[in-house]
Amino acid sequence: MTSPYQLLGVSESATEAEIKHAYLQQVKLNPPERDQQRFQRIQQAYETIKDSDSRLRHDLFHWPEADFDSLLQQVFKPAQAFKPLSPEDFVKLLHAVPVEKVLANALTTQSL
């Protein structure tokens, strides 16, 4: 989904004057006679971010739409095969964790 900022072609830090100028440019380029739906989206985008109160409301309460198809694919995809660690990799892992260095040293000295 396109954000109001993207639709008007301005950054999120744009001033009210920059937003209004971008809105008027978009209205000129996309008159309602040409594409009524696009014109309405442009108008709605401007109304959403035209002043600081509107931008604050948008920033606080706007949530991007979730792509449920990709979420479901991630949830239900087959789990990858579990591969156990080799003893050498396990010892390397223990050495990487500072709290467990004593245990790692004990394991290494026992195997020698």
PDB file of N, CA and C in Angstrom:
ATOM      1  N   MET A   1       0.838  -1.175   0.000  1.00  0.00           N
ATOM      2  CA  MET A   1       0.000   0.000   0.000  1.00  0.00           C
ATOM      3  C   MET A   1       0.887   1.243   0.000  1.00  0.00           C
ATOM      4  N   THR A   2       0.534   2.218  -0.801  1.00  0.00           N
ATOM      5  CA  THR A   2       1.305   3.442  -0.921  1.00  0.00           C
ATOM      6  C   THR A   2       0.925   4.401   0.198  1.00  0.00           C
ATOM      7  N   SER A   3       1.920   4.981   0.834  1.00  0.00           N
ATOM      8  CA  SER A   3       1.649   5.939   1.904  1.00  0.00           C
ATOM      9  C   SER A   3       1.244   7.278   1.293  1.00  0.00           C
ATOM     10  N   PRO A   4       0.590   8.133   2.078  1.00  0.00           N
ATOM     11  CA  PRO A   4       0.234   9.460   1.564  1.00  0.00           C
ATOM     12  C   PRO A   4       1.468  10.256   1.130  1.00  0.00           C
ATOM     13  N   TYR A   5       2.566  10.063   1.840  1.00  0.00           N
ATOM     14  CA  TYR A   5       3.799  10.765   1.487  1.00  0.00           C
ATOM     15  C   TYR A   5       4.292  10.314   0.110  1.00  0.00           C
ATOM     16  N   GLN A   6       4.273   9.013  -0.121  1.00  0.00           N
ATOM     17  CA  GLN A   6       4.712   8.482  -1.413  1.00  0.00           C
ATOM     18  C   GLN A   6       3.778   8.926  -2.528  1.00  0.00           C
ATOM     19  N   LEU A   7       2.489   8.914  -2.260  1.00  0.00           N
ATOM     20  CA  LEU A   7       1.509   9.285  -3.276  1.00  0.00           C
ATOM     21  C   LEU A   7       1.687  10.736  -3.717  1.00  0.00           C
ATOM     22  N   LEU A   8       2.004  11.604  -2.769  1.00  0.00           N
ATOM     23  CA  LEU A   8       2.210  13.015  -3.110  1.00  0.00           C
ATOM     24  C   LEU A   8       3.654  13.301  -3.531  1.00  0.00           C
ATOM     25  N   GLY A   9       4.555  12.352  -3.302  1.00  0.00           N
ATOM     26  CA  GLY A   9       5.946  12.532  -3.706  1.00  0.00           C
ATOM     27  C   GLY A   9       6.727  13.453  -2.796  1.00  0.00           C
ATOM     28  N   VAL A  10       6.447  13.394  -1.496  1.00  0.00           N
ATOM     29  CA  VAL A  10       7.167  14.217  -0.521  1.00  0.00           C
ATOM     30  C   VAL A  10       7.762  13.318   0.556  1.00  0.00           C
ATOM     31  N   SER A  11       8.738  13.864   1.271  1.00  0.00           N
ATOM     32  CA  SER A  11       9.329  13.103   2.373  1.00  0.00           C
ATOM     33  C   SER A  11       8.462  13.269   3.618  1.00  0.00           C
ATOM     34  N   GLU A  12       8.696  12.417   4.598  1.00  0.00           N
ATOM     35  CA  GLU A  12       7.923  12.500   5.838  1.00  0.00           C
ATOM     36  C   GLU A  12       8.270  13.748   6.641  1.00  0.00           C
ATOM     37  N   SER A  13       9.368  14.387   6.306  1.00  0.00           N
ATOM     38  CA  SER A  13       9.754  15.610   7.012  1.00  0.00           C
ATOM     39  C   SER A  13       9.386  16.872   6.225  1.00  0.00           C
ATOM     40  N   ALA A  14       8.561  16.729   5.199  1.00  0.00           N
ATOM     41  CA  ALA A  14       8.171  17.876   4.362  1.00  0.00           C
ATOM     42  C   ALA A  14       7.341  18.878   5.163  1.00  0.00           C
ATOM     43  N   THR A  15       7.472  20.136   4.787  1.00  0.00           N
ATOM     44  CA  THR A  15       6.688  21.185   5.442  1.00  0.00           C
ATOM     45  C   THR A  15       5.273  21.206   4.869  1.00  0.00           C
ATOM     46  N   GLU A  16       4.393  21.946   5.543  1.00  0.00           N
ATOM     47  CA  GLU A  16       3.015  22.070   5.054  1.00  0.00           C
ATOM     48  C   GLU A  16       2.989  22.705   3.666  1.00  0.00           C
ATOM     49  N   ALA A  17       3.865  23.684   3.436  1.00  0.00           N
ATOM     50  CA  ALA A  17       3.920  24.346   2.127  1.00  0.00           C
ATOM     51  C   ALA A  17       4.375  23.368   1.042  1.00  0.00           C
ATOM     52  N   GLU A  18       5.368  22.538   1.353  1.00  0.00           N
ATOM     53  CA  GLU A  18       5.843  21.548   0.378  1.00  0.00           C
ATOM     54  C   GLU A  18       4.757  20.518   0.071  1.00  0.00           C
ATOM     55  N   ILE A  19       4.020  20.119   1.093  1.00  0.00           N
ATOM     56  CA  ILE A  19       2.943  19.144   0.897  1.00  0.00           C
ATOM     57  C   ILE A  19       1.839  19.743   0.035  1.00  0.00           C
ATOM     58  N   LYS A  20       1.483  20.998   0.312  1.00  0.00           N
ATOM     59  CA  LYS A  20       0.432  21.647  -0.473  1.00  0.00           C
ATOM     60  C   LYS A  20       0.871  21.819  -1.927  1.00  0.00           C
ATOM     61  N   HIS A  21       2.122  22.208  -2.127  1.00  0.00           N
ATOM     62  CA  HIS A  21       2.647  22.374  -3.484  1.00  0.00           C
ATOM     63  C   HIS A  21       2.621  21.037  -4.238  1.00  0.00           C
ATOM     64  N   ALA A  22       3.053  19.974  -3.573  1.00  0.00           N
ATOM     65  CA  ALA A  22       3.050  18.649  -4.204  1.00  0.00           C
ATOM     66  C   ALA A  22       1.626  18.206  -4.516  1.00  0.00           C
ATOM     67  N   TYR A  23       0.692  18.506  -3.623  1.00  0.00           N
ATOM     68  CA  TYR A  23      -0.717  18.161  -3.844  1.00  0.00           C
ATOM     69  C   TYR A  23      -1.254  18.874  -5.085  1.00  0.00           C
ATOM     70  N   LEU A  24      -0.987  20.170  -5.189  1.00  0.00           N
ATOM     71  CA  LEU A  24      -1.473  20.935  -6.342  1.00  0.00           C
ATOM     72  C   LEU A  24      -0.844  20.428  -7.643  1.00  0.00           C
ATOM     73  N   GLN A  25       0.426  20.041  -7.588  1.00  0.00           N
ATOM     74  CA  GLN A  25       1.078  19.469  -8.772  1.00  0.00           C
ATOM     75  C   GLN A  25       0.401  18.158  -9.178  1.00  0.00           C
ATOM     76  N   GLN A  26       0.114  17.314  -8.198  1.00  0.00           N
ATOM     77  CA  GLN A  26      -0.534  16.031  -8.486  1.00  0.00           C
ATOM     78  C   GLN A  26      -1.943  16.230  -9.038  1.00  0.00           C
ATOM     79  N   VAL A  27      -2.659  17.225  -8.514  1.00  0.00           N
ATOM     80  CA  VAL A  27      -4.014  17.508  -9.009  1.00  0.00           C
ATOM     81  C   VAL A  27      -3.945  17.979 -10.458  1.00  0.00           C
ATOM     82  N   LYS A  28      -2.919  18.801 -10.764  1.00  0.00           N
ATOM     83  CA  LYS A  28      -2.740  19.266 -12.140  1.00  0.00           C
ATOM     84  C   LYS A  28      -2.446  18.107 -13.089  1.00  0.00           C
ATOM     85  N   LEU A  29      -1.593  17.206 -12.635  1.00  0.00           N
ATOM     86  CA  LEU A  29      -1.201  16.067 -13.473  1.00  0.00           C
ATOM     87  C   LEU A  29      -2.286  14.990 -13.558  1.00  0.00           C
ATOM     88  N   ASN A  30      -3.140  14.919 -12.551  1.00  0.00           N
ATOM     89  CA  ASN A  30      -4.166  13.871 -12.477  1.00  0.00           C
ATOM     90  C   ASN A  30      -5.537  14.481 -12.210  1.00  0.00           C
ATOM     91  N   PRO A  31      -6.108  15.183 -13.175  1.00  0.00           N
ATOM     92  CA  PRO A  31      -7.420  15.801 -12.945  1.00  0.00           C
ATOM     93  C   PRO A  31      -8.499  14.725 -12.784  1.00  0.00           C
ATOM     94  N   PRO A  32      -9.598  15.063 -12.115  1.00  0.00           N
ATOM     95  CA  PRO A  32     -10.651  14.066 -11.872  1.00  0.00           C
ATOM     96  C   PRO A  32     -11.275  13.531 -13.156  1.00  0.00           C
ATOM     97  N   GLU A  33     -11.227  14.314 -14.233  1.00  0.00           N
ATOM     98  CA  GLU A  33     -11.805  13.850 -15.496  1.00  0.00           C
ATOM     99  C   GLU A  33     -11.008  12.682 -16.079  1.00  0.00           C
ATOM    100  N   ARG A  34      -9.711  12.659 -15.802  1.00  0.00           N
ATOM    101  CA  ARG A  34      -8.851  11.621 -16.366  1.00  0.00           C
ATOM    102  C   ARG A  34      -8.993  10.303 -15.599  1.00  0.00           C
ATOM    103  N   ASP A  35      -8.852  10.366 -14.282  1.00  0.00           N
ATOM    104  CA  ASP A  35      -8.931   9.152 -13.459  1.00  0.00           C
ATOM    105  C   ASP A  35      -9.500   9.541 -12.097  1.00  0.00           C
ATOM    106  N   GLN A  36     -10.787   9.341 -11.939  1.00  0.00           N
ATOM    107  CA  GLN A  36     -11.490   9.766 -10.726  1.00  0.00           C
ATOM    108  C   GLN A  36     -10.931   9.076  -9.478  1.00  0.00           C
ATOM    109  N   GLN A  37     -10.627   7.788  -9.575  1.00  0.00           N
ATOM    110  CA  GLN A  37     -10.131   7.061  -8.402  1.00  0.00           C
ATOM    111  C   GLN A  37      -8.757   7.567  -7.971  1.00  0.00           C
ATOM    112  N   ARG A  38      -7.871   7.803  -8.916  1.00  0.00           N
ATOM    113  CA  ARG A  38      -6.539   8.326  -8.571  1.00  0.00           C
ATOM    114  C   ARG A  38      -6.660   9.714  -7.958  1.00  0.00           C
ATOM    115  N   PHE A  39      -7.521  10.545  -8.531  1.00  0.00           N
ATOM    116  CA  PHE A  39      -7.738  11.883  -7.994  1.00  0.00           C
ATOM    117  C   PHE A  39      -8.223  11.795  -6.544  1.00  0.00           C
ATOM    118  N   GLN A  40      -9.135  10.879  -6.265  1.00  0.00           N
ATOM    119  CA  GLN A  40      -9.649  10.725  -4.901  1.00  0.00           C
ATOM    120  C   GLN A  40      -8.556  10.252  -3.942  1.00  0.00           C
ATOM    121  N   ARG A  41      -7.684   9.352  -4.409  1.00  0.00           N
ATOM    122  CA  ARG A  41      -6.577   8.895  -3.557  1.00  0.00           C
ATOM    123  C   ARG A  41      -5.622  10.051  -3.249  1.00  0.00           C
ATOM    124  N   ILE A  42      -5.373  10.893  -4.252  1.00  0.00           N
ATOM    125  CA  ILE A  42      -4.495  12.052  -4.046  1.00  0.00           C
ATOM    126  C   ILE A  42      -5.132  13.011  -3.044  1.00  0.00           C
ATOM    127  N   GLN A  43      -6.408  13.253  -3.215  1.00  0.00           N
ATOM    128  CA  GLN A  43      -7.123  14.150  -2.308  1.00  0.00           C
ATOM    129  C   GLN A  43      -7.131  13.596  -0.882  1.00  0.00           C
ATOM    130  N   GLN A  44      -7.361  12.301  -0.741  1.00  0.00           N
ATOM    131  CA  GLN A  44      -7.370  11.677   0.578  1.00  0.00           C
ATOM    132  C   GLN A  44      -5.973  11.723   1.206  1.00  0.00           C
ATOM    133  N   ALA A  45      -4.940  11.521   0.393  1.00  0.00           N
ATOM    134  CA  ALA A  45      -3.568  11.594   0.899  1.00  0.00           C
ATOM    135  C   ALA A  45      -3.274  12.989   1.433  1.00  0.00           C
ATOM    136  N   TYR A  46      -3.700  14.004   0.695  1.00  0.00           N
ATOM    137  CA  TYR A  46      -3.483  15.377   1.146  1.00  0.00           C
ATOM    138  C   TYR A  46      -4.229  15.648   2.452  1.00  0.00           C
ATOM    139  N   GLU A  47      -5.470  15.213   2.536  1.00  0.00           N
ATOM    140  CA  GLU A  47      -6.252  15.419   3.761  1.00  0.00           C
ATOM    141  C   GLU A  47      -5.609  14.709   4.952  1.00  0.00           C
ATOM    142  N   THR A  48      -4.954  13.599   4.681  1.00  0.00           N
ATOM    143  CA  THR A  48      -4.345  12.809   5.748  1.00  0.00           C
ATOM    144  C   THR A  48      -3.117  13.485   6.340  1.00  0.00           C
ATOM    145  N   ILE A  49      -2.349  14.226   5.532  1.00  0.00           N
ATOM    146  CA  ILE A  49      -1.080  14.794   6.026  1.00  0.00           C
ATOM    147  C   ILE A  49      -0.961  16.297   5.793  1.00  0.00           C
ATOM    148  N   LYS A  50      -2.061  16.997   5.585  1.00  0.00           N
ATOM    149  CA  LYS A  50      -1.985  18.413   5.188  1.00  0.00           C
ATOM    150  C   LYS A  50      -1.460  19.343   6.277  1.00  0.00           C
ATOM    151  N   ASP A  51      -1.632  19.000   7.538  1.00  0.00           N
ATOM    152  CA  ASP A  51      -1.121  19.854   8.611  1.00  0.00           C
ATOM    153  C   ASP A  51      -0.529  18.982   9.715  1.00  0.00           C
ATOM    154  N   SER A  52       0.058  19.635  10.715  1.00  0.00           N
ATOM    155  CA  SER A  52       0.768  18.872  11.751  1.00  0.00           C
ATOM    156  C   SER A  52      -0.168  17.966  12.547  1.00  0.00           C
ATOM    157  N   ASP A  53      -1.387  18.415  12.820  1.00  0.00           N
ATOM    158  CA  ASP A  53      -2.337  17.572  13.556  1.00  0.00           C
ATOM    159  C   ASP A  53      -2.709  16.331  12.749  1.00  0.00           C
ATOM    160  N   SER A  54      -2.958  16.514  11.467  1.00  0.00           N
ATOM    161  CA  SER A  54      -3.309  15.380  10.601  1.00  0.00           C
ATOM    162  C   SER A  54      -2.150  14.395  10.493  1.00  0.00           C
ATOM    163  N   ARG A  55      -0.926  14.933  10.345  1.00  0.00           N
ATOM    164  CA  ARG A  55       0.247  14.060  10.249  1.00  0.00           C
ATOM    165  C   ARG A  55       0.454  13.281  11.538  1.00  0.00           C
ATOM    166  N   LEU A  56       0.277  13.946  12.671  1.00  0.00           N
ATOM    167  CA  LEU A  56       0.432  13.269  13.955  1.00  0.00           C
ATOM    168  C   LEU A  56      -0.592  12.146  14.094  1.00  0.00           C
ATOM    169  N   ARG A  57      -1.825  12.435  13.731  1.00  0.00           N
ATOM    170  CA  ARG A  57      -2.890  11.425  13.790  1.00  0.00           C
ATOM    171  C   ARG A  57      -2.535  10.238  12.885  1.00  0.00           C
ATOM    172  N   HIS A  58      -2.057  10.541  11.691  1.00  0.00           N
ATOM    173  CA  HIS A  58      -1.675   9.476  10.752  1.00  0.00           C
ATOM    174  C   HIS A  58      -0.514   8.658  11.308  1.00  0.00           C
ATOM    175  N   ASP A  59       0.517   9.338  11.807  1.00  0.00           N
ATOM    176  CA  ASP A  59       1.701   8.637  12.299  1.00  0.00           C
ATOM    177  C   ASP A  59       1.399   7.773  13.520  1.00  0.00           C
ATOM    178  N   LEU A  60       0.480   8.232  14.366  1.00  0.00           N
ATOM    179  CA  LEU A  60       0.150   7.470  15.568  1.00  0.00           C
ATOM    180  C   LEU A  60      -0.776   6.294  15.308  1.00  0.00           C
ATOM    181  N   PHE A  61      -1.737   6.469  14.429  1.00  0.00           N
ATOM    182  CA  PHE A  61      -2.801   5.475  14.313  1.00  0.00           C
ATOM    183  C   PHE A  61      -2.830   4.707  13.004  1.00  0.00           C
ATOM    184  N   HIS A  62      -1.948   5.018  12.085  1.00  0.00           N
ATOM    185  CA  HIS A  62      -1.949   4.296  10.809  1.00  0.00           C
ATOM    186  C   HIS A  62      -1.099   3.038  10.935  1.00  0.00           C
ATOM    187  N   TRP A  63      -1.681   1.919  10.567  1.00  0.00           N
ATOM    188  CA  TRP A  63      -0.958   0.648  10.546  1.00  0.00           C
ATOM    189  C   TRP A  63      -0.960   0.142   9.114  1.00  0.00           C
ATOM    190  N   PRO A  64       0.195  -0.229   8.576  1.00  0.00           N
ATOM    191  CA  PRO A  64       0.206  -0.761   7.211  1.00  0.00           C
ATOM    192  C   PRO A  64      -0.578  -2.067   7.142  1.00  0.00           C
ATOM    193  N   GLU A  65      -1.162  -2.303   5.994  1.00  0.00           N
ATOM    194  CA  GLU A  65      -1.934  -3.527   5.818  1.00  0.00           C
ATOM    195  C   GLU A  65      -1.000  -4.729   5.799  1.00  0.00           C
ATOM    196  N   ALA A  66      -1.437  -5.793   6.433  1.00  0.00           N
ATOM    197  CA  ALA A  66      -0.634  -7.010   6.471  1.00  0.00           C
ATOM    198  C   ALA A  66      -0.877  -7.829   5.215  1.00  0.00           C
ATOM    199  N   ASP A  67       0.159  -8.443   4.741  1.00  0.00           N
ATOM    200  CA  ASP A  67       0.041  -9.347   3.603  1.00  0.00           C
ATOM    201  C   ASP A  67      -0.188 -10.745   4.174  1.00  0.00           C
ATOM    202  N   PHE A  68      -1.466 -11.093   4.345  1.00  0.00           N
ATOM    203  CA  PHE A  68      -1.812 -12.327   5.033  1.00  0.00           C
ATOM    204  C   PHE A  68      -1.355 -13.572   4.282  1.00  0.00           C
ATOM    205  N   ASP A  69      -1.301 -13.514   2.965  1.00  0.00           N
ATOM    206  CA  ASP A  69      -0.840 -14.680   2.211  1.00  0.00           C
ATOM    207  C   ASP A  69       0.602 -15.032   2.570  1.00  0.00           C
ATOM    208  N   SER A  70       1.473 -14.027   2.600  1.00  0.00           N
ATOM    209  CA  SER A  70       2.868 -14.323   2.932  1.00  0.00           C
ATOM    210  C   SER A  70       3.014 -14.717   4.398  1.00  0.00           C
ATOM    211  N   LEU A  71       2.201 -14.115   5.284  1.00  0.00           N
ATOM    212  CA  LEU A  71       2.246 -14.514   6.690  1.00  0.00           C
ATOM    213  C   LEU A  71       1.836 -15.975   6.860  1.00  0.00           C
ATOM    214  N   LEU A  72       0.773 -16.380   6.175  1.00  0.00           N
ATOM    215  CA  LEU A  72       0.324 -17.769   6.264  1.00  0.00           C
ATOM    216  C   LEU A  72       1.367 -18.726   5.700  1.00  0.00           C
ATOM    217  N   GLN A  73       2.026 -18.330   4.618  1.00  0.00           N
ATOM    218  CA  GLN A  73       3.069 -19.184   4.048  1.00  0.00           C
ATOM    219  C   GLN A  73       4.217 -19.371   5.031  1.00  0.00           C
ATOM    220  N   GLN A  74       4.571 -18.305   5.741  1.00  0.00           N
ATOM    221  CA  GLN A  74       5.647 -18.413   6.716  1.00  0.00           C
ATOM    222  C   GLN A  74       5.248 -19.301   7.888  1.00  0.00           C
ATOM    223  N   VAL A  75       4.000 -19.186   8.321  1.00  0.00           N
ATOM    224  CA  VAL A  75       3.539 -19.965   9.464  1.00  0.00           C
ATOM    225  C   VAL A  75       3.452 -21.448   9.122  1.00  0.00           C
ATOM    226  N   PHE A  76       2.940 -21.757   7.940  1.00  0.00           N
ATOM    227  CA  PHE A  76       2.672 -23.144   7.602  1.00  0.00           C
ATOM    228  C   PHE A  76       3.730 -23.802   6.716  1.00  0.00           C
ATOM    229  N   LYS A  77       4.834 -23.117   6.469  1.00  0.00           N
ATOM    230  CA  LYS A  77       5.861 -23.754   5.643  1.00  0.00           C
ATOM    231  C   LYS A  77       6.494 -24.894   6.441  1.00  0.00           C
ATOM    232  N   PRO A  78       6.934 -25.926   5.753  1.00  0.00           N
ATOM    233  CA  PRO A  78       7.527 -27.055   6.468  1.00  0.00           C
ATOM    234  C   PRO A  78       8.791 -26.619   7.198  1.00  0.00           C
ATOM    235  N   ALA A  79       8.949 -27.152   8.375  1.00  0.00           N
ATOM    236  CA  ALA A  79      10.121 -26.806   9.176  1.00  0.00           C
ATOM    237  C   ALA A  79      11.371 -27.376   8.522  1.00  0.00           C
ATOM    238  N   GLN A  80      12.439 -26.626   8.619  1.00  0.00           N
ATOM    239  CA  GLN A  80      13.694 -27.116   8.066  1.00  0.00           C
ATOM    240  C   GLN A  80      14.215 -28.241   8.956  1.00  0.00           C
ATOM    241  N   ALA A  81      14.883 -29.161   8.331  1.00  0.00           N
ATOM    242  CA  ALA A  81      15.398 -30.310   9.074  1.00  0.00           C
ATOM    243  C   ALA A  81      16.381 -29.836  10.139  1.00  0.00           C
ATOM    244  N   PHE A  82      16.235 -30.388  11.318  1.00  0.00           N
ATOM    245  CA  PHE A  82      17.122 -30.041  12.420  1.00  0.00           C
ATOM    246  C   PHE A  82      18.419 -30.815  12.274  1.00  0.00           C
ATOM    247  N   LYS A  83      19.514 -30.099  12.310  1.00  0.00           N
ATOM    248  CA  LYS A  83      20.819 -30.747  12.211  1.00  0.00           C
ATOM    249  C   LYS A  83      21.526 -30.547  13.547  1.00  0.00           C
ATOM    250  N   PRO A  84      21.818 -31.623  14.256  1.00  0.00           N
ATOM    251  CA  PRO A  84      22.489 -31.468  15.552  1.00  0.00           C
ATOM    252  C   PRO A  84      23.912 -30.927  15.369  1.00  0.00           C
ATOM    253  N   LEU A  85      24.388 -30.249  16.394  1.00  0.00           N
ATOM    254  CA  LEU A  85      25.743 -29.704  16.359  1.00  0.00           C
ATOM    255  C   LEU A  85      26.765 -30.815  16.536  1.00  0.00           C
ATOM    256  N   SER A  86      27.868 -30.654  15.859  1.00  0.00           N
ATOM    257  CA  SER A  86      28.981 -31.583  16.075  1.00  0.00           C
ATOM    258  C   SER A  86      29.615 -31.229  17.418  1.00  0.00           C
ATOM    259  N   PRO A  87      30.332 -32.148  18.029  1.00  0.00           N
ATOM    260  CA  PRO A  87      30.979 -31.830  19.314  1.00  0.00           C
ATOM    261  C   PRO A  87      31.922 -30.623  19.203  1.00  0.00           C
ATOM    262  N   GLU A  88      32.614 -30.499  18.070  1.00  0.00           N
ATOM    263  CA  GLU A  88      33.530 -29.362  17.889  1.00  0.00           C
ATOM    264  C   GLU A  88      32.760 -28.040  17.845  1.00  0.00           C
ATOM    265  N   ASP A  89      31.640 -28.022  17.114  1.00  0.00           N
ATOM    266  CA  ASP A  89      30.819 -26.810  17.041  1.00  0.00           C
ATOM    267  C   ASP A  89      30.207 -26.478  18.397  1.00  0.00           C
ATOM    268  N   PHE A  90      29.853 -27.516  19.151  1.00  0.00           N
ATOM    269  CA  PHE A  90      29.284 -27.299  20.481  1.00  0.00           C
ATOM    270  C   PHE A  90      30.314 -26.637  21.393  1.00  0.00           C
ATOM    271  N   VAL A  91      31.548 -27.099  21.337  1.00  0.00           N
ATOM    272  CA  VAL A  91      32.611 -26.507  22.152  1.00  0.00           C
ATOM    273  C   VAL A  91      32.865 -25.065  21.719  1.00  0.00           C
ATOM    274  N   LYS A  92      32.852 -24.801  20.392  1.00  0.00           N
ATOM    275  CA  LYS A  92      33.022 -23.424  19.900  1.00  0.00           C
ATOM    276  C   LYS A  92      31.910 -22.526  20.424  1.00  0.00           C
ATOM    277  N   LEU A  93      30.699 -23.054  20.439  1.00  0.00           N
ATOM    278  CA  LEU A  93      29.560 -22.289  20.942  1.00  0.00           C
ATOM    279  C   LEU A  93      29.735 -21.979  22.421  1.00  0.00           C
ATOM    280  N   LEU A  94      30.189 -22.954  23.182  1.00  0.00           N
ATOM    281  CA  LEU A  94      30.414 -22.724  24.606  1.00  0.00           C
ATOM    282  C   LEU A  94      31.502 -21.687  24.843  1.00  0.00           C
ATOM    283  N   HIS A  95      32.540 -21.695  24.013  1.00  0.00           N
ATOM    284  CA  HIS A  95      33.605 -20.696  24.151  1.00  0.00           C
ATOM    285  C   HIS A  95      33.103 -19.299  23.810  1.00  0.00           C
ATOM    286  N   ALA A  96      32.100 -19.203  22.977  1.00  0.00           N
ATOM    287  CA  ALA A  96      31.570 -17.900  22.574  1.00  0.00           C
ATOM    288  C   ALA A  96      30.753 -17.256  23.685  1.00  0.00           C
ATOM    289  N   VAL A  97      30.214 -18.055  24.588  1.00  0.00           N
ATOM    290  CA  VAL A  97      29.394 -17.531  25.683  1.00  0.00           C
ATOM    291  C   VAL A  97      30.288 -17.390  26.910  1.00  0.00           C
ATOM    292  N   PRO A  98      30.551 -16.163  27.383  1.00  0.00           N
ATOM    293  CA  PRO A  98      31.497 -15.952  28.478  1.00  0.00           C
ATOM    294  C   PRO A  98      31.130 -16.695  29.764  1.00  0.00           C
ATOM    295  N   VAL A  99      29.875 -16.802  30.093  1.00  0.00           N
ATOM    296  CA  VAL A  99      29.458 -17.428  31.341  1.00  0.00           C
ATOM    297  C   VAL A  99      29.817 -18.914  31.346  1.00  0.00           C
ATOM    298  N   GLU A 100      29.835 -19.515  30.198  1.00  0.00           N
ATOM    299  CA  GLU A 100      30.043 -20.956  30.112  1.00  0.00           C
ATOM    300  C   GLU A 100      31.494 -21.348  29.800  1.00  0.00           C
ATOM    301  N   LYS A 101      32.422 -20.406  29.881  1.00  0.00           N
ATOM    302  CA  LYS A 101      33.810 -20.727  29.523  1.00  0.00           C
ATOM    303  C   LYS A 101      34.415 -21.785  30.440  1.00  0.00           C
ATOM    304  N   VAL A 102      34.040 -21.782  31.695  1.00  0.00           N
ATOM    305  CA  VAL A 102      34.577 -22.775  32.625  1.00  0.00           C
ATOM    306  C   VAL A 102      34.155 -24.174  32.190  1.00  0.00           C
ATOM    307  N   LEU A 103      32.873 -24.310  31.840  1.00  0.00           N
ATOM    308  CA  LEU A 103      32.369 -25.600  31.373  1.00  0.00           C
ATOM    309  C   LEU A 103      33.058 -26.007  30.073  1.00  0.00           C
ATOM    310  N   ALA A 104      33.248 -25.075  29.187  1.00  0.00           N
ATOM    311  CA  ALA A 104      33.904 -25.369  27.912  1.00  0.00           C
ATOM    312  C   ALA A 104      35.335 -25.834  28.138  1.00  0.00           C
ATOM    313  N   ASN A 105      36.048 -25.159  29.025  1.00  0.00           N
ATOM    314  CA  ASN A 105      37.422 -25.567  29.325  1.00  0.00           C
ATOM    315  C   ASN A 105      37.449 -26.954  29.944  1.00  0.00           C
ATOM    316  N   ALA A 106      36.490 -27.229  30.812  1.00  0.00           N
ATOM    317  CA  ALA A 106      36.435 -28.551  31.442  1.00  0.00           C
ATOM    318  C   ALA A 106      36.181 -29.626  30.399  1.00  0.00           C
ATOM    319  N   LEU A 107      35.287 -29.362  29.459  1.00  0.00           N
ATOM    320  CA  LEU A 107      34.995 -30.343  28.417  1.00  0.00           C
ATOM    321  C   LEU A 107      36.201 -30.565  27.513  1.00  0.00           C
ATOM    322  N   THR A 108      36.928 -29.509  27.203  1.00  0.00           N
ATOM    323  CA  THR A 108      38.074 -29.643  26.308  1.00  0.00           C
ATOM    324  C   THR A 108      39.209 -30.388  26.994  1.00  0.00           C
ATOM    325  N   THR A 109      39.423 -30.128  28.262  1.00  0.00           N
ATOM    326  CA  THR A 109      40.514 -30.818  28.954  1.00  0.00           C
ATOM    327  C   THR A 109      40.184 -32.287  29.158  1.00  0.00           C
ATOM    328  N   GLN A 110      38.912 -32.621  29.333  1.00  0.00           N
ATOM    329  CA  GLN A 110      38.528 -34.025  29.505  1.00  0.00           C
ATOM    330  C   GLN A 110      38.713 -34.813  28.219  1.00  0.00           C
ATOM    331  N   SER A 111      38.452 -34.186  27.080  1.00  0.00           N
ATOM    332  CA  SER A 111      38.546 -34.920  25.820  1.00  0.00           C
ATOM    333  C   SER A 111      39.989 -35.121  25.378  1.00  0.00           C
ATOM    334  N   LEU A 112      40.932 -34.334  25.957  1.00  0.00           N
ATOM    335  CA  LEU A 112      42.339 -34.478  25.580  1.00  0.00           C
ATOM    336  C   LEU A 112      42.916 -35.593  26.340  1.00  0.00           C
TER     337      LEU A 112
END
